[in-house]
PDB file of N, CA and C in Angstrom:
ATOM      1  N   MET A   1     -43.848 -82.730  -1.702  1.00  0.00           N
ATOM      2  CA  MET A   1     -42.694 -82.039  -1.334  1.00  0.00           C
ATOM      3  C   MET A   1     -41.952 -83.421  -1.116  1.00  0.00           C
ATOM      4  N   LYS A   2     -40.547 -83.265  -1.672  1.00  0.00           N
ATOM      5  CA  LYS A   2     -39.574 -84.770  -1.081  1.00  0.00           C
ATOM      6  C   LYS A   2     -39.383 -84.779   0.248  1.00  0.00           C
ATOM      7  N   LYS A   3     -38.527 -85.867   0.794  1.00  0.00           N
ATOM      8  CA  LYS A   3     -38.740 -85.848   1.723  1.00  0.00           C
ATOM      9  C   LYS A   3     -36.920 -84.377   2.063  1.00  0.00           C
ATOM     10  N   ALA A   4     -35.797 -84.495   0.858  1.00  0.00           N
ATOM     11  CA  ALA A   4     -34.703 -83.930   1.499  1.00  0.00           C
ATOM     12  C   ALA A   4     -35.528 -82.659   1.557  1.00  0.00           C
ATOM     13  N   GLU A   5     -36.368 -81.918   1.567  1.00  0.00           N
ATOM     14  CA  GLU A   5     -37.365 -80.853   1.318  1.00  0.00           C
ATOM     15  C   GLU A   5     -37.588 -80.695   2.448  1.00  0.00           C
ATOM     16  N   ARG A   6     -38.225 -81.355   3.414  1.00  0.00           N
ATOM     17  CA  ARG A   6     -39.273 -81.249   4.297  1.00  0.00           C
ATOM     18  C   ARG A   6     -38.152 -81.589   5.389  1.00  0.00           C
ATOM     19  N   GLN A   7     -37.202 -82.191   5.440  1.00  0.00           N
ATOM     20  CA  GLN A   7     -35.754 -81.883   6.054  1.00  0.00           C
ATOM     21  C   GLN A   7     -35.511 -81.136   6.865  1.00  0.00           C
ATOM     22  N   HIS A   8     -35.164 -79.961   5.276  1.00  0.00           N
ATOM     23  CA  HIS A   8     -34.222 -78.439   5.194  1.00  0.00           C
ATOM     24  C   HIS A   8     -35.226 -78.268   5.990  1.00  0.00           C
ATOM     25  N   LEU A   9     -36.995 -78.151   5.535  1.00  0.00           N
ATOM     26  CA  LEU A   9     -37.426 -77.020   6.396  1.00  0.00           C
ATOM     27  C   LEU A   9     -37.546 -77.001   7.716  1.00  0.00           C
ATOM     28  N   GLU A  10     -37.525 -78.232   8.040  1.00  0.00           N
ATOM     29  CA  GLU A  10     -37.623 -78.172   9.620  1.00  0.00           C
ATOM     30  C   GLU A  10     -36.331 -77.691   9.891  1.00  0.00           C
ATOM     31  N   LYS A  11     -34.903 -77.845   9.844  1.00  0.00           N
ATOM     32  CA  LYS A  11     -34.036 -77.905   9.881  1.00  0.00           C
ATOM     33  C   LYS A  11     -33.712 -75.934  10.434  1.00  0.00           C
ATOM     34  N   VAL A  12     -34.199 -75.207   9.002  1.00  0.00           N
ATOM     35  CA  VAL A  12     -34.899 -74.003   9.275  1.00  0.00           C
ATOM     36  C   VAL A  12     -35.228 -73.435  10.092  1.00  0.00           C
ATOM     37  N   ALA A  13     -37.305 -73.855  10.544  1.00  0.00           N
ATOM     38  CA  ALA A  13     -37.433 -73.755  11.264  1.00  0.00           C
ATOM     39  C   ALA A  13     -36.424 -73.868  12.794  1.00  0.00           C
ATOM     40  N   SER A  14     -36.301 -74.687  13.084  1.00  0.00           N
ATOM     41  CA  SER A  14     -35.637 -75.191  14.725  1.00  0.00           C
ATOM     42  C   SER A  14     -34.558 -74.318  14.790  1.00  0.00           C
ATOM     43  N   GLU A  15     -33.821 -73.396  13.975  1.00  0.00           N
ATOM     44  CA  GLU A  15     -32.984 -73.096  13.652  1.00  0.00           C
ATOM     45  C   GLU A  15     -33.258 -71.301  14.622  1.00  0.00           C
ATOM     46  N   GLY A  16     -34.091 -70.935  15.025  1.00  0.00           N
ATOM     47  CA  GLY A  16     -34.826 -69.449  15.095  1.00  0.00           C
ATOM     48  C   GLY A  16     -34.772 -69.393  13.999  1.00  0.00           C
ATOM     49  N   CYS A  17     -35.316 -67.611  13.868  1.00  0.00           N
ATOM     50  CA  CYS A  17     -35.549 -66.322  13.560  1.00  0.00           C
ATOM     51  C   CYS A  17     -34.030 -66.038  13.383  1.00  0.00           C
ATOM     52  N   VAL A  18     -33.649 -66.035  12.187  1.00  0.00           N
ATOM     53  CA  VAL A  18     -31.924 -65.565  11.919  1.00  0.00           C
ATOM     54  C   VAL A  18     -32.530 -63.856  12.164  1.00  0.00           C
ATOM     55  N   VAL A  19     -33.627 -62.843  12.052  1.00  0.00           N
ATOM     56  CA  VAL A  19     -33.279 -61.578  11.847  1.00  0.00           C
ATOM     57  C   VAL A  19     -33.536 -61.373  13.781  1.00  0.00           C
ATOM     58  N   CYS A  20     -33.531 -62.625  15.103  1.00  0.00           N
ATOM     59  CA  CYS A  20     -33.714 -62.906  15.783  1.00  0.00           C
ATOM     60  C   CYS A  20     -32.353 -62.801  16.513  1.00  0.00           C
ATOM     61  N   ARG A  21     -31.725 -63.507  16.142  1.00  0.00           N
ATOM     62  CA  ARG A  21     -30.309 -64.369  15.832  1.00  0.00           C
ATOM     63  C   ARG A  21     -29.303 -63.372  15.428  1.00  0.00           C
ATOM     64  N   LEU A  22     -29.390 -62.533  14.980  1.00  0.00           N
ATOM     65  CA  LEU A  22     -28.079 -60.934  13.782  1.00  0.00           C
ATOM     66  C   LEU A  22     -27.962 -60.295  14.644  1.00  0.00           C
ATOM     67  N   PHE A  23     -29.549 -59.707  14.868  1.00  0.00           N
ATOM     68  CA  PHE A  23     -30.462 -58.597  15.014  1.00  0.00           C
ATOM     69  C   PHE A  23     -30.282 -58.249  16.960  1.00  0.00           C
ATOM     70  N   GLU A  24     -30.481 -58.826  17.293  1.00  0.00           N
ATOM     71  CA  GLU A  24     -30.910 -58.753  18.558  1.00  0.00           C
ATOM     72  C   GLU A  24     -30.152 -59.841  19.940  1.00  0.00           C
ATOM     73  N   GLY A  25     -29.510 -60.742  19.011  1.00  0.00           N
ATOM     74  CA  GLY A  25     -28.629 -62.056  19.782  1.00  0.00           C
ATOM     75  C   GLY A  25     -29.582 -62.478  20.838  1.00  0.00           C
ATOM     76  N   VAL A  26     -30.840 -62.456  20.567  1.00  0.00           N
ATOM     77  CA  VAL A  26     -31.700 -63.543  20.900  1.00  0.00           C
ATOM     78  C   VAL A  26     -31.925 -64.620  20.303  1.00  0.00           C
ATOM     79  N   ASP A  27     -32.902 -65.765  20.693  1.00  0.00           N
ATOM     80  CA  ASP A  27     -32.572 -67.366  20.527  1.00  0.00           C
ATOM     81  C   ASP A  27     -34.512 -67.455  20.139  1.00  0.00           C
ATOM     82  N   SER A  28     -34.541 -67.028  19.631  1.00  0.00           N
ATOM     83  CA  SER A  28     -35.980 -67.465  19.143  1.00  0.00           C
ATOM     84  C   SER A  28     -37.100 -68.479  19.665  1.00  0.00           C
ATOM     85  N   GLY A  29     -36.096 -69.684  19.345  1.00  0.00           N
ATOM     86  CA  GLY A  29     -37.059 -70.233  19.671  1.00  0.00           C
ATOM     87  C   GLY A  29     -37.350 -70.842  17.902  1.00  0.00           C
ATOM     88  N   PRO A  30     -37.740 -71.937  18.100  1.00  0.00           N
ATOM     89  CA  PRO A  30     -38.865 -72.900  16.727  1.00  0.00           C
ATOM     90  C   PRO A  30     -39.686 -71.434  16.203  1.00  0.00           C
ATOM     91  N   CYS A  31     -39.424 -70.956  14.224  1.00  0.00           N
ATOM     92  CA  CYS A  31     -40.081 -70.549  13.491  1.00  0.00           C
ATOM     93  C   CYS A  31     -40.800 -70.671  12.409  1.00  0.00           C
ATOM     94  N   GLU A  32     -41.478 -69.597  12.060  1.00  0.00           N
ATOM     95  CA  GLU A  32     -41.862 -69.925  10.383  1.00  0.00           C
ATOM     96  C   GLU A  32     -41.222 -69.702   9.194  1.00  0.00           C
ATOM     97  N   ILE A  33     -41.627 -70.475   8.570  1.00  0.00           N
ATOM     98  CA  ILE A  33     -41.104 -70.732   6.976  1.00  0.00           C
ATOM     99  C   ILE A  33     -41.035 -68.955   6.083  1.00  0.00           C
ATOM    100  N   HIS A  34     -40.171 -68.788   5.708  1.00  0.00           N
ATOM    101  CA  HIS A  34     -40.684 -67.186   4.727  1.00  0.00           C
ATOM    102  C   HIS A  34     -39.857 -67.733   3.554  1.00  0.00           C
ATOM    103  N   HIS A  35     -40.298 -68.136   2.466  1.00  0.00           N
ATOM    104  CA  HIS A  35     -39.888 -68.186   1.017  1.00  0.00           C
ATOM    105  C   HIS A  35     -39.519 -66.427   0.381  1.00  0.00           C
ATOM    106  N   ILE A  36     -38.224 -67.044  -0.057  1.00  0.00           N
ATOM    107  CA  ILE A  36     -37.747 -66.386  -0.732  1.00  0.00           C
ATOM    108  C   ILE A  36     -38.482 -65.128  -2.216  1.00  0.00           C
ATOM    109  N   ARG A  37     -38.736 -64.215  -2.024  1.00  0.00           N
ATOM    110  CA  ARG A  37     -39.674 -63.321  -3.086  1.00  0.00           C
ATOM    111  C   ARG A  37     -38.533 -62.634  -4.464  1.00  0.00           C
ATOM    112  N   THR A  38     -37.545 -62.363  -3.709  1.00  0.00           N
ATOM    113  CA  THR A  38     -37.060 -61.304  -4.906  1.00  0.00           C
ATOM    114  C   THR A  38     -36.453 -63.007  -5.939  1.00  0.00           C
ATOM    115  N   GLY A  39     -37.182 -61.802  -7.319  1.00  0.00           N
ATOM    116  CA  GLY A  39     -36.845 -62.366  -8.549  1.00  0.00           C
ATOM    117  C   GLY A  39     -37.652 -63.388  -8.965  1.00  0.00           C
ATOM    118  N   MET A  40     -38.533 -64.095  -7.562  1.00  0.00           N
ATOM    119  CA  MET A  40     -39.517 -65.419  -8.427  1.00  0.00           C
ATOM    120  C   MET A  40     -40.625 -64.327  -8.906  1.00  0.00           C
ATOM    121  N   GLY A  41     -41.273 -63.080  -8.995  1.00  0.00           N
ATOM    122  CA  GLY A  41     -42.395 -63.193  -9.781  1.00  0.00           C
ATOM    123  C   GLY A  41     -43.250 -63.714  -9.123  1.00  0.00           C
ATOM    124  N   THR A  42     -44.574 -64.219  -9.786  1.00  0.00           N
ATOM    125  CA  THR A  42     -46.174 -64.989  -9.343  1.00  0.00           C
ATOM    126  C   THR A  42     -44.935 -65.854  -8.298  1.00  0.00           C
ATOM    127  N   THR A  43     -44.121 -66.426  -8.540  1.00  0.00           N
ATOM    128  CA  THR A  43     -43.946 -68.400  -8.666  1.00  0.00           C
ATOM    129  C   THR A  43     -43.301 -68.404  -6.873  1.00  0.00           C
ATOM    130  N   ARG A  44     -43.928 -68.841  -5.906  1.00  0.00           N
ATOM    131  CA  ARG A  44     -43.169 -69.237  -4.991  1.00  0.00           C
ATOM    132  C   ARG A  44     -41.423 -69.526  -5.613  1.00  0.00           C
ATOM    133  N   ALA A  45     -40.451 -69.191  -4.481  1.00  0.00           N
ATOM    134  CA  ALA A  45     -38.926 -70.009  -4.487  1.00  0.00           C
ATOM    135  C   ALA A  45     -39.547 -72.073  -3.842  1.00  0.00           C
ATOM    136  N   SER A  46     -38.094 -71.992  -4.461  1.00  0.00           N
ATOM    137  CA  SER A  46     -38.287 -73.451  -4.064  1.00  0.00           C
ATOM    138  C   SER A  46     -38.153 -73.862  -2.300  1.00  0.00           C
ATOM    139  N   HIS A  47     -38.151 -74.781  -1.942  1.00  0.00           N
ATOM    140  CA  HIS A  47     -38.334 -74.871  -0.233  1.00  0.00           C
ATOM    141  C   HIS A  47     -37.088 -74.921   0.006  1.00  0.00           C
ATOM    142  N   PHE A  48     -35.839 -75.369  -0.821  1.00  0.00           N
ATOM    143  CA  PHE A  48     -34.719 -74.722   0.105  1.00  0.00           C
ATOM    144  C   PHE A  48     -34.127 -73.005  -0.108  1.00  0.00           C
ATOM    145  N   GLN A  49     -35.210 -72.371  -0.822  1.00  0.00           N
ATOM    146  CA  GLN A  49     -34.777 -70.896  -0.398  1.00  0.00           C
ATOM    147  C   GLN A  49     -35.355 -70.002   0.139  1.00  0.00           C
ATOM    148  N   VAL A  50     -35.488 -69.986   1.784  1.00  0.00           N
ATOM    149  CA  VAL A  50     -36.388 -69.924   2.411  1.00  0.00           C
ATOM    150  C   VAL A  50     -34.810 -69.651   3.177  1.00  0.00           C
ATOM    151  N   ILE A  51     -36.118 -68.586   4.292  1.00  0.00           N
ATOM    152  CA  ILE A  51     -35.537 -68.173   5.916  1.00  0.00           C
ATOM    153  C   ILE A  51     -36.321 -68.459   7.072  1.00  0.00           C
ATOM    154  N   GLY A  52     -35.626 -68.314   7.847  1.00  0.00           N
ATOM    155  CA  GLY A  52     -36.701 -68.571   9.171  1.00  0.00           C
ATOM    156  C   GLY A  52     -37.101 -67.952   9.817  1.00  0.00           C
ATOM    157  N   LEU A  53     -38.298 -66.975  10.453  1.00  0.00           N
ATOM    158  CA  LEU A  53     -38.681 -66.142  10.872  1.00  0.00           C
ATOM    159  C   LEU A  53     -39.327 -66.410  12.188  1.00  0.00           C
ATOM    160  N   CYS A  54     -39.286 -65.501  12.922  1.00  0.00           N
ATOM    161  CA  CYS A  54     -40.255 -65.652  14.664  1.00  0.00           C
ATOM    162  C   CYS A  54     -41.417 -64.800  13.927  1.00  0.00           C
ATOM    163  N   PRO A  55     -42.695 -64.891  14.319  1.00  0.00           N
ATOM    164  CA  PRO A  55     -44.230 -64.428  14.153  1.00  0.00           C
ATOM    165  C   PRO A  55     -43.485 -63.138  13.846  1.00  0.00           C
ATOM    166  N   THR A  56     -43.575 -62.437  14.608  1.00  0.00           N
ATOM    167  CA  THR A  56     -42.808 -61.031  14.610  1.00  0.00           C
ATOM    168  C   THR A  56     -42.164 -60.514  13.838  1.00  0.00           C
ATOM    169  N   HIS A  57     -41.122 -61.035  13.197  1.00  0.00           N
ATOM    170  CA  HIS A  57     -40.282 -60.989  11.685  1.00  0.00           C
ATOM    171  C   HIS A  57     -40.749 -61.007  10.385  1.00  0.00           C
ATOM    172  N   HIS A  58     -42.309 -62.226  10.907  1.00  0.00           N
ATOM    173  CA  HIS A  58     -42.770 -62.850   9.134  1.00  0.00           C
ATOM    174  C   HIS A  58     -44.237 -61.963   9.107  1.00  0.00           C
ATOM    175  N   ARG A  59     -44.895 -61.889   9.578  1.00  0.00           N
ATOM    176  CA  ARG A  59     -46.264 -61.521   9.935  1.00  0.00           C
ATOM    177  C   ARG A  59     -47.119 -60.412  10.880  1.00  0.00           C
ATOM    178  N   ASN A  60     -46.319 -60.365  12.085  1.00  0.00           N
ATOM    179  CA  ASN A  60     -47.251 -59.560  12.489  1.00  0.00           C
ATOM    180  C   ASN A  60     -46.726 -58.232  13.701  1.00  0.00           C
ATOM    181  N   GLY A  61     -45.137 -58.333  12.822  1.00  0.00           N
ATOM    182  CA  GLY A  61     -44.380 -57.316  13.520  1.00  0.00           C
ATOM    183  C   GLY A  61     -44.934 -55.310  13.169  1.00  0.00           C
ATOM    184  N   GLY A  62     -45.658 -55.062  11.696  1.00  0.00           N
ATOM    185  CA  GLY A  62     -45.861 -54.181  11.798  1.00  0.00           C
ATOM    186  C   GLY A  62     -45.046 -53.377  10.557  1.00  0.00           C
ATOM    187  N   TYR A  63     -45.604 -52.297  10.079  1.00  0.00           N
ATOM    188  CA  TYR A  63     -44.460 -52.114   9.017  1.00  0.00           C
ATOM    189  C   TYR A  63     -43.237 -51.381   9.315  1.00  0.00           C
ATOM    190  N   GLY A  64     -42.313 -51.985   8.346  1.00  0.00           N
ATOM    191  CA  GLY A  64     -40.846 -52.402   9.003  1.00  0.00           C
ATOM    192  C   GLY A  64     -40.060 -52.684  10.191  1.00  0.00           C
ATOM    193  N   VAL A  65     -41.168 -53.533  10.509  1.00  0.00           N
ATOM    194  CA  VAL A  65     -39.947 -55.682  11.060  1.00  0.00           C
ATOM    195  C   VAL A  65     -41.151 -56.415  10.786  1.00  0.00           C
ATOM    196  N   ALA A  66     -42.206 -56.453  10.396  1.00  0.00           N
ATOM    197  CA  ALA A  66     -42.661 -57.450   9.714  1.00  0.00           C
ATOM    198  C   ALA A  66     -42.090 -57.511   8.550  1.00  0.00           C
ATOM    199  N   ILE A  67     -41.529 -58.565   7.270  1.00  0.00           N
ATOM    200  CA  ILE A  67     -41.486 -58.598   6.104  1.00  0.00           C
ATOM    201  C   ILE A  67     -42.662 -58.364   5.740  1.00  0.00           C
ATOM    202  N   HIS A  68     -43.685 -58.888   5.747  1.00  0.00           N
ATOM    203  CA  HIS A  68     -45.483 -58.919   5.012  1.00  0.00           C
ATOM    204  C   HIS A  68     -45.823 -57.894   5.325  1.00  0.00           C
ATOM    205  N   ALA A  69     -45.379 -57.282   6.207  1.00  0.00           N
ATOM    206  CA  ALA A  69     -46.008 -55.745   6.501  1.00  0.00           C
ATOM    207  C   ALA A  69     -45.592 -54.346   5.632  1.00  0.00           C
ATOM    208  N   GLY A  70     -44.416 -54.796   5.338  1.00  0.00           N
ATOM    209  CA  GLY A  70     -43.834 -53.523   4.111  1.00  0.00           C
ATOM    210  C   GLY A  70     -42.106 -54.322   4.072  1.00  0.00           C
ATOM    211  N   ARG A  71     -41.693 -54.722   2.614  1.00  0.00           N
ATOM    212  CA  ARG A  71     -40.639 -55.337   2.421  1.00  0.00           C
ATOM    213  C   ARG A  71     -39.618 -55.068   2.108  1.00  0.00           C
ATOM    214  N   GLU A  72     -39.841 -53.370   0.886  1.00  0.00           N
ATOM    215  CA  GLU A  72     -38.822 -52.549   1.677  1.00  0.00           C
ATOM    216  C   GLU A  72     -37.752 -52.210   2.754  1.00  0.00           C
ATOM    217  N   ALA A  73     -39.518 -51.405   3.564  1.00  0.00           N
ATOM    218  CA  ALA A  73     -38.915 -51.148   4.392  1.00  0.00           C
ATOM    219  C   ALA A  73     -38.455 -51.759   5.302  1.00  0.00           C
ATOM    220  N   PHE A  74     -38.807 -53.460   5.529  1.00  0.00           N
ATOM    221  CA  PHE A  74     -38.076 -54.423   6.480  1.00  0.00           C
ATOM    222  C   PHE A  74     -36.797 -54.217   5.995  1.00  0.00           C
ATOM    223  N   GLU A  75     -36.535 -54.594   4.482  1.00  0.00           N
ATOM    224  CA  GLU A  75     -35.291 -54.600   3.973  1.00  0.00           C
ATOM    225  C   GLU A  75     -34.295 -53.840   4.368  1.00  0.00           C
ATOM    226  N   LYS A  76     -34.431 -52.751   4.565  1.00  0.00           N
ATOM    227  CA  LYS A  76     -34.019 -51.141   5.123  1.00  0.00           C
ATOM    228  C   LYS A  76     -33.795 -51.522   6.147  1.00  0.00           C
ATOM    229  N   ARG A  77     -33.946 -51.785   7.194  1.00  0.00           N
ATOM    230  CA  ARG A  77     -33.676 -52.212   8.827  1.00  0.00           C
ATOM    231  C   ARG A  77     -33.323 -52.788   9.022  1.00  0.00           C
ATOM    232  N   TYR A  78     -32.940 -54.368   7.978  1.00  0.00           N
ATOM    233  CA  TYR A  78     -32.208 -55.457   8.650  1.00  0.00           C
ATOM    234  C   TYR A  78     -31.598 -55.562   7.091  1.00  0.00           C
ATOM    235  N   MET A  79     -31.841 -56.602   6.653  1.00  0.00           N
ATOM    236  CA  MET A  79     -30.845 -56.858   5.512  1.00  0.00           C
ATOM    237  C   MET A  79     -32.243 -57.286   4.257  1.00  0.00           C
ATOM    238  N   THR A  80     -31.642 -57.099   3.157  1.00  0.00           N
ATOM    239  CA  THR A  80     -32.680 -58.151   2.356  1.00  0.00           C
ATOM    240  C   THR A  80     -33.112 -59.470   2.614  1.00  0.00           C
ATOM    241  N   GLU A  81     -33.838 -60.139   2.397  1.00  0.00           N
ATOM    242  CA  GLU A  81     -34.186 -61.277   2.228  1.00  0.00           C
ATOM    243  C   GLU A  81     -32.710 -62.032   1.933  1.00  0.00           C
ATOM    244  N   LEU A  82     -32.281 -61.799   0.202  1.00  0.00           N
ATOM    245  CA  LEU A  82     -31.338 -62.426   0.496  1.00  0.00           C
ATOM    246  C   LEU A  82     -29.963 -62.938   0.576  1.00  0.00           C
ATOM    247  N   GLU A  83     -29.749 -61.403   1.126  1.00  0.00           N
ATOM    248  CA  GLU A  83     -28.172 -61.647   1.958  1.00  0.00           C
ATOM    249  C   GLU A  83     -29.309 -62.331   3.330  1.00  0.00           C
ATOM    250  N   LEU A  84     -30.317 -62.146   4.086  1.00  0.00           N
ATOM    251  CA  LEU A  84     -30.522 -62.918   5.208  1.00  0.00           C
ATOM    252  C   LEU A  84     -30.710 -64.342   4.994  1.00  0.00           C
ATOM    253  N   MET A  85     -31.132 -65.448   3.301  1.00  0.00           N
ATOM    254  CA  MET A  85     -30.713 -65.933   3.494  1.00  0.00           C
ATOM    255  C   MET A  85     -29.343 -66.339   3.440  1.00  0.00           C
ATOM    256  N   GLU A  86     -28.286 -65.943   2.492  1.00  0.00           N
ATOM    257  CA  GLU A  86     -26.906 -66.138   2.525  1.00  0.00           C
ATOM    258  C   GLU A  86     -26.362 -66.393   3.715  1.00  0.00           C
ATOM    259  N   GLU A  87     -26.326 -65.043   5.117  1.00  0.00           N
ATOM    260  CA  GLU A  87     -26.055 -65.386   6.315  1.00  0.00           C
ATOM    261  C   GLU A  87     -26.807 -66.333   6.734  1.00  0.00           C
ATOM    262  N   ARG A  88     -27.940 -67.057   6.269  1.00  0.00           N
ATOM    263  CA  ARG A  88     -27.732 -68.411   7.662  1.00  0.00           C
ATOM    264  C   ARG A  88     -26.917 -69.237   7.282  1.00  0.00           C
ATOM    265  N   TRP A  89     -26.543 -69.342   5.767  1.00  0.00           N
ATOM    266  CA  TRP A  89     -26.102 -70.472   4.671  1.00  0.00           C
ATOM    267  C   TRP A  89     -25.386 -70.589   5.630  1.00  0.00           C
ATOM    268  N   ARG A  90     -24.295 -69.364   5.938  1.00  0.00           N
ATOM    269  CA  ARG A  90     -23.145 -68.636   6.487  1.00  0.00           C
ATOM    270  C   ARG A  90     -22.725 -69.834   7.547  1.00  0.00           C
ATOM    271  N   THR A  91     -24.248 -69.257   8.433  1.00  0.00           N
ATOM    272  CA  THR A  91     -23.952 -69.690   9.866  1.00  0.00           C
ATOM    273  C   THR A  91     -24.577 -70.662  10.710  1.00  0.00           C
ATOM    274  N   CYS A  92     -24.821 -71.582   9.669  1.00  0.00           N
ATOM    275  CA  CYS A  92     -25.341 -71.956   9.844  1.00  0.00           C
ATOM    276  C   CYS A  92     -24.713 -73.966   9.624  1.00  0.00           C
TER     277      CYS A  92
END
């Protein structure tokens, strides 16, 4: 990983969960990095194509709440991961 990639990931993680911020109006504190999967097939997105998600919205929240518990249900409830990434770029 290059220095610029590491710095970007640290910045995104420090911003907190984009879902908590947009939909719950709270600051979740440091969060986990989620690499965008839309359009990637089996390859991982670059370290610049990421969003920050708290553990609940990333992997622990269950179907429709955590993106890894069912991306389609998550995206119906909130936004697509691409829309969340664009919103993160716009607001931070």
